[in-house]
């Protein structure tokens, strides 16, 4: 679990030196988390577009974390990226979600584009420190991609996409007119035919800059249309199919980060309360649970077990995915299916842990947890919004079908 996230140091935009390693980037992520945590509750309540937060991510160099060093990025792997997402999400869930979504979308050309085009896009992304938004979920009705002489025209309406209010590039899913084949498409949101709107009235994840986006005959170059997103058997290589577990483990790290962040806040609140408390006078649960209240201790112990168990599953799934990504095109269907199932297991466990922790952890605080000034409610709202968008019921069925019948999970990209 993370340690308490309160810190009063000043904001820093210093990037690691060339050749920085995993430890350096995790240090930058912790500094970013400490920075974000100082006013996370106030910013979340204000609900403004996170332009300043994205600027800080850009200045830190974290946006180019996964871009290979030869393309101008940090050259880190997904183990580091997941740890960064989890660290940031513990301090500020929506910004952690935004960053994780960016990592997945900016990495997607490696899954769906040819290697030369993927290298070219990553180089431009690193040079411009692009923040990626959008979404290629199977749940969204596809946009329409109409072929033209020099490319395509993109039209349609997407109900929700993360980061549309701040993204430098959008990755979306569109179906070719006449054939219906779904493809991944890269779009410049600065084009006048792209119109987005924020959903500031959402229950949680208010700083993820999400919202609807409409495309009105937006010109698309042929090079910005990548490979198929078809769920049909054999349409994608096993390596390209790793896009699904990669995205599910972003969801996993977000859930774990938010859950661990609330536990850290509760721990810090209790420490501060004990430090300032007058000679203790026991009161009955639940008005103000004393530090040795057996029920409060049991709740914290149970939730620690839940968090550690989900974290262990996540680590196992990340290790499996890392091995699969290293195999590249040598990966076979059975290995891909096993990785996908492990990722679904991890996501289901993390989702359950986050829901339970963000519901029960406040019992340890007692009545004071209801005070708006603490902002504890944001953890629950961020979790509930995310788990409504990413329900695990279908994942559980797929897990059962795999272990009982050997059925491979379908290619279904999460929201």
Protein backbone atom coordinates (compact mmCIF):
# COMPACT_ATOMS: atom_id res chain seq x y z
CA UNK A 1 0.00 0.00 0.00
CA UNK A 2 1.03 3.58 -0.47
CA UNK A 3 2.11 5.78 2.39
CA UNK A 4 0.18 8.91 3.35
CA UNK A 5 0.24 11.44 0.54
CA UNK A 6 0.22 14.81 2.30
CA UNK A 7 3.19 16.96 1.43
CA UNK A 8 3.94 20.68 1.36
CA UNK A 9 6.90 20.84 -1.00
CA UNK A 10 6.74 23.22 -3.96
CA UNK A 11 5.83 22.17 -7.48
CA UNK A 12 8.69 21.02 -9.64
CA UNK A 13 9.00 20.61 -13.40
CA UNK A 14 12.45 18.99 -13.38
CA UNK A 15 12.79 15.98 -15.65
CA UNK A 16 15.18 13.11 -14.98
CA UNK A 17 18.52 13.26 -16.76
CA UNK A 18 19.10 11.31 -19.95
CA UNK A 19 19.47 7.64 -19.16
CA UNK A 20 17.17 7.83 -16.15
CA UNK A 21 15.89 4.48 -14.95
CA UNK A 22 12.78 3.06 -13.34
CA UNK A 23 13.67 4.35 -9.87
CA UNK A 24 14.04 7.91 -11.19
CA UNK A 25 10.67 7.85 -12.91
CA UNK A 26 8.96 6.41 -9.86
CA UNK A 27 10.52 9.20 -7.82
CA UNK A 28 9.09 11.75 -10.27
CA UNK A 29 5.68 10.05 -9.99
CA UNK A 30 5.80 10.21 -6.19
CA UNK A 31 6.69 13.90 -6.35
CA UNK A 32 3.81 14.45 -8.74
CA UNK A 33 1.47 12.56 -6.39
CA UNK A 34 2.62 14.58 -3.39
CA UNK A 35 2.04 17.75 -5.37
CA UNK A 36 -1.44 16.73 -6.53
CA UNK A 37 -2.52 15.55 -3.10
CA UNK A 38 -2.08 18.93 -1.45
CA UNK A 39 -5.21 20.36 -3.08
CA UNK A 40 -6.86 17.33 -4.70
CA UNK A 41 -10.13 17.73 -2.81
CA UNK A 42 -10.44 21.42 -3.67
CA UNK A 43 -9.63 20.90 -7.35
CA UNK A 44 -12.05 17.99 -7.58
CA UNK A 45 -14.84 20.05 -6.04
CA UNK A 46 -14.13 22.93 -8.45
CA UNK A 47 -14.30 20.51 -11.39
CA UNK A 48 -12.30 22.67 -13.80
CA UNK A 49 -10.70 21.34 -16.97
CA UNK A 50 -7.32 19.92 -15.84
CA UNK A 51 -5.12 22.08 -18.05
CA UNK A 52 -2.67 22.84 -15.25
CA UNK A 53 -2.48 19.19 -14.18
CA UNK A 54 -1.73 18.04 -17.73
CA UNK A 55 0.87 20.80 -18.05
CA UNK A 56 2.60 19.42 -14.96
CA UNK A 57 2.56 15.91 -16.43
CA UNK A 58 4.03 17.27 -19.64
CA UNK A 59 6.79 19.19 -17.82
CA UNK A 60 7.71 16.12 -15.79
CA UNK A 61 8.32 14.04 -18.91
CA UNK A 62 5.86 11.36 -17.78
CA UNK A 63 3.76 11.62 -20.95
CA UNK A 64 6.58 10.12 -23.05
CA UNK A 65 7.40 7.40 -20.52
CA UNK A 66 6.61 4.47 -22.84
CA UNK A 67 8.09 5.96 -26.01
CA UNK A 68 11.35 4.17 -26.94
CA UNK A 69 14.52 6.12 -26.21
CA UNK A 70 15.50 6.06 -29.90
CA UNK A 71 12.22 7.88 -30.66
CA UNK A 72 12.88 10.55 -28.03
CA UNK A 73 11.05 9.06 -25.05
CA UNK A 74 12.02 7.55 -21.73
CA UNK A 75 12.09 3.99 -23.05
CA UNK A 76 10.38 2.53 -19.97
CA UNK A 77 8.19 -0.57 -19.93
CA UNK A 78 4.64 -1.22 -18.79
CA UNK A 79 5.75 -2.30 -15.30
CA UNK A 80 6.96 1.24 -14.73
CA UNK A 81 3.96 2.82 -16.44
CA UNK A 82 1.50 0.84 -14.30
CA UNK A 83 3.37 1.80 -11.13
CA UNK A 84 3.23 5.47 -12.18
CA UNK A 85 -0.52 5.29 -12.86
CA UNK A 86 -1.16 3.67 -9.49
CA UNK A 87 0.96 6.21 -7.64
CA UNK A 88 -0.75 9.19 -9.29
CA UNK A 89 -4.24 7.67 -8.91
CA UNK A 90 -3.68 7.25 -5.16
CA UNK A 91 -3.32 11.02 -4.88
CA UNK A 92 -5.75 12.11 -7.60
CA UNK A 93 -7.89 9.40 -9.16
CA UNK A 94 -9.07 11.29 -12.27
CA UNK A 95 -5.56 12.41 -13.20
CA UNK A 96 -4.31 8.85 -12.70
CA UNK A 97 -7.13 7.65 -14.95
CA UNK A 98 -6.29 10.29 -17.56
CA UNK A 99 -2.61 9.31 -17.51
CA UNK A 100 -3.31 5.58 -17.74
CA UNK A 101 -5.70 6.13 -20.65
CA UNK A 102 -3.02 8.24 -22.37
CA UNK A 103 -0.46 5.45 -21.94
CA UNK A 104 -2.74 2.85 -23.50
CA UNK A 105 -3.85 4.99 -26.44
CA UNK A 106 -0.36 6.31 -27.21
CA UNK A 107 0.97 2.73 -27.14
CA UNK A 108 -1.83 1.46 -29.43
CA UNK A 109 0.04 2.10 -32.71
CA UNK A 110 2.38 -0.71 -31.69
CA UNK A 111 -0.61 -3.04 -31.60
CA UNK A 112 -2.50 -1.86 -34.66
CA UNK A 113 -0.11 0.00 -37.01
CA UNK A 114 2.88 -1.27 -38.95
CA UNK A 115 6.20 -0.82 -37.11
CA UNK A 116 7.50 2.01 -39.30
CA UNK A 117 4.34 4.05 -38.86
CA UNK A 118 4.29 3.35 -35.11
CA UNK A 119 7.88 4.62 -34.82
CA UNK A 120 6.98 7.78 -36.73
CA UNK A 121 3.95 8.53 -34.56
CA UNK A 122 5.83 7.90 -31.32
CA UNK A 123 8.61 10.23 -32.43
CA UNK A 124 6.11 13.02 -33.10
CA UNK A 125 4.32 12.31 -29.84
CA UNK A 126 7.55 12.57 -27.85
CA UNK A 127 8.67 15.72 -29.65
CA UNK A 128 5.34 17.43 -29.01
CA UNK A 129 4.79 15.84 -25.58
CA UNK A 130 1.32 14.91 -26.81
CA UNK A 131 -1.38 13.97 -24.36
CA UNK A 132 -3.63 11.37 -25.96
CA UNK A 133 -7.36 11.03 -25.40
CA UNK A 134 -10.39 9.42 -26.99
CA UNK A 135 -11.34 5.78 -26.81
CA UNK A 136 -11.53 2.68 -29.00
CA UNK A 137 -13.98 0.76 -26.85
CA UNK A 138 -16.15 -1.94 -28.35
CA UNK A 139 -19.05 -0.51 -26.32
CA UNK A 140 -19.26 2.68 -28.37
CA UNK A 141 -21.19 2.72 -31.67
CA UNK A 142 -18.49 3.11 -34.33
CA UNK A 143 -17.93 6.37 -36.13
CA UNK A 144 -18.13 6.27 -39.93
CA UNK A 145 -15.01 6.43 -42.08
CA UNK A 146 -15.79 7.26 -45.71
CA UNK A 147 -13.00 6.61 -48.26
CA UNK A 148 -11.98 9.55 -50.47
CA UNK A 149 -9.33 9.99 -53.14
CA UNK A 150 -6.59 11.13 -50.75
CA UNK A 151 -7.79 9.57 -47.54
CA UNK A 152 -11.04 9.51 -45.61
CA UNK A 153 -13.73 11.63 -44.01
CA UNK A 154 -14.62 10.86 -40.40
CA UNK A 155 -18.16 11.52 -39.16
CA UNK A 156 -20.31 10.55 -36.20
CA UNK A 157 -20.85 11.02 -32.50
CA UNK A 158 -19.03 9.36 -29.59
CA UNK A 159 -20.94 9.49 -26.32
CA UNK A 160 -17.93 9.52 -24.03
CA UNK A 161 -14.18 9.69 -24.41
CA UNK A 162 -11.52 10.39 -21.80
CA UNK A 163 -9.36 13.47 -22.16
CA UNK A 164 -11.31 15.10 -25.00
CA UNK A 165 -11.09 18.47 -23.26
CA UNK A 166 -7.28 18.55 -23.16
CA UNK A 167 -5.95 16.02 -25.70
CA UNK A 168 -3.39 16.84 -28.38
CA UNK A 169 -4.48 13.77 -30.33
CA UNK A 170 -7.55 11.54 -30.19
CA UNK A 171 -7.57 7.82 -30.93
CA UNK A 172 -11.05 6.61 -31.92
CA UNK A 173 -12.77 3.56 -33.38
CA UNK A 174 -14.43 4.00 -36.77
CA UNK A 175 -16.14 1.64 -39.22
CA UNK A 176 -15.34 1.83 -42.93
CA UNK A 177 -18.42 2.84 -44.92
CA UNK A 178 -19.66 -0.06 -47.00
CA UNK A 179 -17.70 -2.83 -45.24
CA UNK A 180 -18.28 -2.05 -41.56
CA UNK A 181 -14.74 -3.07 -40.59
CA UNK A 182 -13.74 -1.25 -37.37
CA UNK A 183 -10.39 0.50 -37.50
CA UNK A 184 -8.27 2.59 -35.12
CA UNK A 185 -8.03 6.20 -36.30
CA UNK A 186 -5.79 9.05 -35.13
CA UNK A 187 -7.42 12.50 -35.15
CA UNK A 188 -6.17 16.03 -34.51
CA UNK A 189 -8.84 17.58 -32.24
CA UNK A 190 -7.82 21.08 -33.37
CA UNK A 191 -9.66 20.56 -36.67
CA UNK A 192 -12.83 22.71 -36.82
CA UNK A 193 -14.90 19.63 -37.62
CA UNK A 194 -14.18 18.18 -34.17
CA UNK A 195 -16.46 19.43 -31.41
CA UNK A 196 -16.20 18.17 -27.85
CA UNK A 197 -18.02 18.91 -24.64
CA UNK A 198 -17.12 18.20 -21.02
CA UNK A 199 -19.35 16.10 -18.76
CA UNK A 200 -18.82 18.09 -15.59
CA UNK A 201 -21.98 16.69 -14.07
CA UNK A 202 -20.59 13.17 -13.64
CA UNK A 203 -20.65 11.49 -10.23
CA UNK A 204 -16.89 10.98 -10.20
CA UNK A 205 -13.71 11.21 -12.29
CA UNK A 206 -14.53 14.89 -12.78
CA UNK A 207 -10.97 15.88 -13.66
CA UNK A 208 -10.50 13.24 -16.37
CA UNK A 209 -11.60 15.82 -19.00
CA UNK A 210 -14.10 13.33 -20.37
CA UNK A 211 -17.10 14.05 -22.51
CA UNK A 212 -18.89 13.57 -25.78
CA UNK A 213 -17.19 14.34 -29.07
CA UNK A 214 -18.68 14.88 -32.54
CA UNK A 215 -16.90 14.58 -35.88
CA UNK A 216 -18.27 16.43 -38.89
CA UNK A 217 -16.57 15.32 -42.11
CA UNK A 218 -13.11 15.54 -40.59
CA UNK A 219 -10.35 14.82 -43.19
CA UNK A 220 -8.18 11.87 -42.21
CA UNK A 221 -4.91 10.97 -43.92
CA UNK A 222 -4.39 7.35 -44.92
CA UNK A 223 -1.37 7.10 -42.62
CA UNK A 224 -3.58 7.97 -39.65
CA UNK A 225 -5.85 4.95 -40.17
CA UNK A 226 -4.37 1.90 -38.46
CA UNK A 227 -5.26 -1.76 -38.41
CA UNK A 228 -8.43 -3.65 -37.65
CA UNK A 229 -10.23 -3.70 -34.31
CA UNK A 230 -12.45 -6.55 -35.43
CA UNK A 231 -13.43 -9.12 -32.77
CA UNK A 232 -13.74 -11.82 -35.45
CA UNK A 233 -11.55 -14.84 -34.87
CA UNK A 234 -8.27 -14.59 -36.77
CA UNK A 235 -8.65 -10.89 -37.58
CA UNK A 236 -5.89 -9.91 -35.16
CA UNK A 237 -2.56 -11.48 -34.30
CA UNK A 238 -2.06 -12.73 -30.74
CA UNK A 239 0.30 -9.79 -30.17
CA UNK A 240 -2.29 -7.21 -31.29
CA UNK A 241 -4.85 -8.96 -29.07
CA UNK A 242 -2.67 -8.08 -26.07
CA UNK A 243 -4.26 -4.63 -26.35
CA UNK A 244 -7.16 -5.99 -24.27
CA UNK A 245 -5.20 -7.16 -21.19
CA UNK A 246 -2.97 -4.08 -21.46
CA UNK A 247 -6.03 -1.84 -21.14
CA UNK A 248 -7.61 -3.97 -18.41
CA UNK A 249 -4.49 -3.65 -16.30
CA UNK A 250 -4.71 0.15 -16.62
CA UNK A 251 -8.18 -0.17 -15.08
CA UNK A 252 -6.72 -2.47 -12.42
CA UNK A 253 -4.03 0.00 -11.40
CA UNK A 254 -6.53 2.85 -11.24
CA UNK A 255 -8.76 0.86 -8.86
CA UNK A 256 -5.85 -0.17 -6.66
CA UNK A 257 -4.44 3.34 -6.60
CA UNK A 258 -7.72 4.92 -5.51
CA UNK A 259 -8.29 2.24 -2.85
CA UNK A 260 -4.78 2.56 -1.45
CA UNK A 261 -5.04 6.34 -1.60
CA UNK A 262 -8.09 6.34 0.65
CA UNK A 263 -6.46 3.94 3.10
CA UNK A 264 -3.47 6.29 3.23
CA UNK A 265 -5.76 9.28 3.82
CA UNK A 266 -7.56 7.45 6.62
CA UNK A 267 -4.21 6.52 8.17
CA UNK A 268 -3.02 10.13 7.98
CA UNK A 269 -6.29 11.46 9.38
CA UNK A 270 -6.02 9.12 12.37
CA UNK A 271 -2.40 10.07 12.99
CA UNK A 272 -3.19 13.80 12.87
CA UNK A 273 -6.23 13.34 15.11
CA UNK A 274 -4.22 11.42 17.71
CA UNK A 275 -1.49 14.06 17.67
CA UNK A 276 -3.94 16.87 18.38
CA UNK A 277 -6.33 14.99 20.66
CA UNK A 278 -6.95 16.11 24.21
CA UNK A 279 -6.77 13.42 26.94
CA UNK A 280 -8.84 10.62 25.44
CA UNK A 281 -12.39 10.02 26.55
CA UNK A 282 -13.83 6.84 25.01
CA UNK A 283 -16.99 7.32 23.01
CA UNK A 284 -19.34 4.77 21.59
CA UNK A 285 -18.96 3.60 18.02
CA UNK A 286 -19.66 5.07 15.47
CA UNK A 287 -19.59 8.71 16.66
CA UNK A 288 -15.81 8.91 17.02
CA UNK A 289 -14.07 5.50 17.12
CA UNK A 290 -11.11 5.48 19.50
CA UNK A 291 -7.70 4.42 18.14
CA UNK A 292 -7.93 1.00 19.81
CA UNK A 293 -11.58 0.33 19.00
CA UNK A 294 -11.62 -3.40 18.13
CA UNK A 295 -14.17 -2.91 15.36
CA UNK A 296 -12.16 -0.13 13.71
CA UNK A 297 -8.98 -2.20 13.92
CA UNK A 298 -10.76 -5.20 12.43
CA UNK A 299 -12.13 -3.15 9.54
CA UNK A 300 -8.69 -1.73 8.74
CA UNK A 301 -7.17 -5.21 8.99
CA UNK A 302 -9.77 -6.75 6.68
CA UNK A 303 -9.35 -4.01 4.10
CA UNK A 304 -5.58 -4.38 4.21
CA UNK A 305 -5.97 -8.07 3.37
CA UNK A 306 -8.31 -7.21 0.48
CA UNK A 307 -5.90 -4.60 -0.90
CA UNK A 308 -2.82 -6.82 -0.61
CA UNK A 309 -4.58 -9.77 -2.24
CA UNK A 310 -5.73 -7.71 -5.23
CA UNK A 311 -2.26 -6.19 -5.50
CA UNK A 312 -0.64 -9.64 -5.66
CA UNK A 313 -2.96 -10.69 -8.50
CA UNK A 314 -2.17 -7.48 -10.35
CA UNK A 315 1.58 -8.11 -10.04
CA UNK A 316 1.15 -11.62 -11.44
CA UNK A 317 -0.85 -10.32 -14.39
CA UNK A 318 1.65 -7.54 -15.13
CA UNK A 319 4.50 -10.06 -15.12
CA UNK A 320 2.60 -12.28 -17.57
CA UNK A 321 1.79 -9.34 -19.86
CA UNK A 322 5.41 -8.19 -19.82
CA UNK A 323 6.54 -11.64 -20.96
CA UNK A 324 3.92 -11.63 -23.70
CA UNK A 325 4.90 -8.20 -24.99
CA UNK A 326 8.56 -9.29 -25.04
CA UNK A 327 7.65 -12.26 -27.28
CA UNK A 328 6.14 -9.98 -29.89
CA UNK A 329 4.85 -11.79 -32.96
CA UNK A 330 6.13 -15.11 -31.59
CA UNK A 331 3.26 -15.10 -29.07
CA UNK A 332 0.63 -17.78 -29.76
CA UNK A 333 -3.13 -17.80 -29.18
CA UNK A 334 -3.03 -19.94 -26.04
CA UNK A 335 -0.42 -17.74 -24.36
CA UNK A 336 -2.43 -14.64 -25.28
CA UNK A 337 -5.60 -16.17 -23.81
CA UNK A 338 -3.85 -17.01 -20.53
CA UNK A 339 -2.57 -13.42 -20.24
CA UNK A 340 -6.04 -12.04 -21.00
CA UNK A 341 -7.62 -14.21 -18.30
CA UNK A 342 -5.01 -13.20 -15.72
CA UNK A 343 -5.67 -9.53 -16.52
CA UNK A 344 -9.42 -10.07 -16.12
CA UNK A 345 -8.81 -11.81 -12.79
CA UNK A 346 -6.73 -8.87 -11.62
CA UNK A 347 -9.26 -6.31 -12.79
CA UNK A 348 -12.15 -8.14 -11.10
CA UNK A 349 -10.21 -8.41 -7.83
CA UNK A 350 -9.14 -4.75 -7.94
CA UNK A 351 -12.66 -3.59 -8.74
CA UNK A 352 -14.08 -5.51 -5.78
CA UNK A 353 -11.30 -4.27 -3.52
CA UNK A 354 -11.85 -0.65 -4.52
CA UNK A 355 -15.61 -0.83 -3.99
CA UNK A 356 -15.24 -2.46 -0.59
CA UNK A 357 -12.42 -0.23 0.62
CA UNK A 358 -13.98 3.06 -0.48
CA UNK A 359 -17.25 2.02 1.17
CA UNK A 360 -15.94 0.66 4.49
CA UNK A 361 -12.69 2.53 5.16
CA UNK A 362 -14.54 5.59 6.37
CA UNK A 363 -15.98 3.53 9.23
CA UNK A 364 -12.51 3.74 10.74
CA UNK A 365 -12.81 7.54 10.79
CA UNK A 366 -16.37 7.66 12.03
CA UNK A 367 -18.70 10.65 11.84
CA UNK A 368 -15.92 13.07 10.94
CA UNK A 369 -15.57 11.29 7.59
CA UNK A 370 -18.75 13.06 6.44
CA UNK A 371 -17.09 16.49 6.64
CA UNK A 372 -16.78 18.00 3.17
CA UNK A 373 -13.40 19.55 3.99
CA UNK A 374 -11.72 16.13 4.00
CA UNK A 375 -12.90 15.19 0.51
CA UNK A 376 -13.05 11.50 1.40
CA UNK A 377 -16.17 11.10 -0.73
CA UNK A 378 -14.20 11.67 -3.94
CA UNK A 379 -12.54 8.26 -3.60
CA UNK A 380 -15.91 6.52 -3.47
CA UNK A 381 -17.35 8.59 -6.32
CA UNK A 382 -14.32 8.02 -8.56
CA UNK A 383 -14.46 4.28 -7.86
CA UNK A 384 -18.19 3.96 -8.39
CA UNK A 385 -18.09 5.92 -11.64
CA UNK A 386 -15.26 3.74 -12.93
CA UNK A 387 -16.83 0.43 -11.94
CA UNK A 388 -20.13 1.44 -13.53
CA UNK A 389 -18.24 2.08 -16.78
CA UNK A 390 -16.19 -1.11 -16.38
CA UNK A 391 -18.48 -3.77 -14.84
CA UNK A 392 -16.75 -7.09 -14.20
CA UNK A 393 -19.74 -9.43 -14.62
CA UNK A 394 -18.78 -10.35 -18.19
CA UNK A 395 -15.15 -10.78 -17.18
CA UNK A 396 -16.17 -13.29 -14.48
CA UNK A 397 -18.16 -15.29 -17.01
CA UNK A 398 -15.19 -15.32 -19.39
CA UNK A 399 -12.87 -16.44 -16.58
CA UNK A 400 -15.21 -19.30 -15.71
CA UNK A 401 -15.57 -20.33 -19.36
CA UNK A 402 -11.79 -20.41 -19.75
CA UNK A 403 -11.10 -22.52 -16.68
CA UNK A 404 -14.03 -24.91 -17.21
CA UNK A 405 -14.10 -25.16 -21.01
CA UNK A 406 -10.82 -23.73 -22.27
CA UNK A 407 -12.66 -20.98 -24.17
CA UNK A 408 -10.51 -18.00 -25.15
CA UNK A 409 -11.84 -14.59 -24.04
CA UNK A 410 -13.21 -12.46 -26.90
CA UNK A 411 -11.48 -9.33 -28.15
CA UNK A 412 -13.45 -6.70 -26.21
CA UNK A 413 -11.69 -3.43 -25.52
CA UNK A 414 -12.75 -1.78 -22.26
CA UNK A 415 -14.29 1.67 -22.05
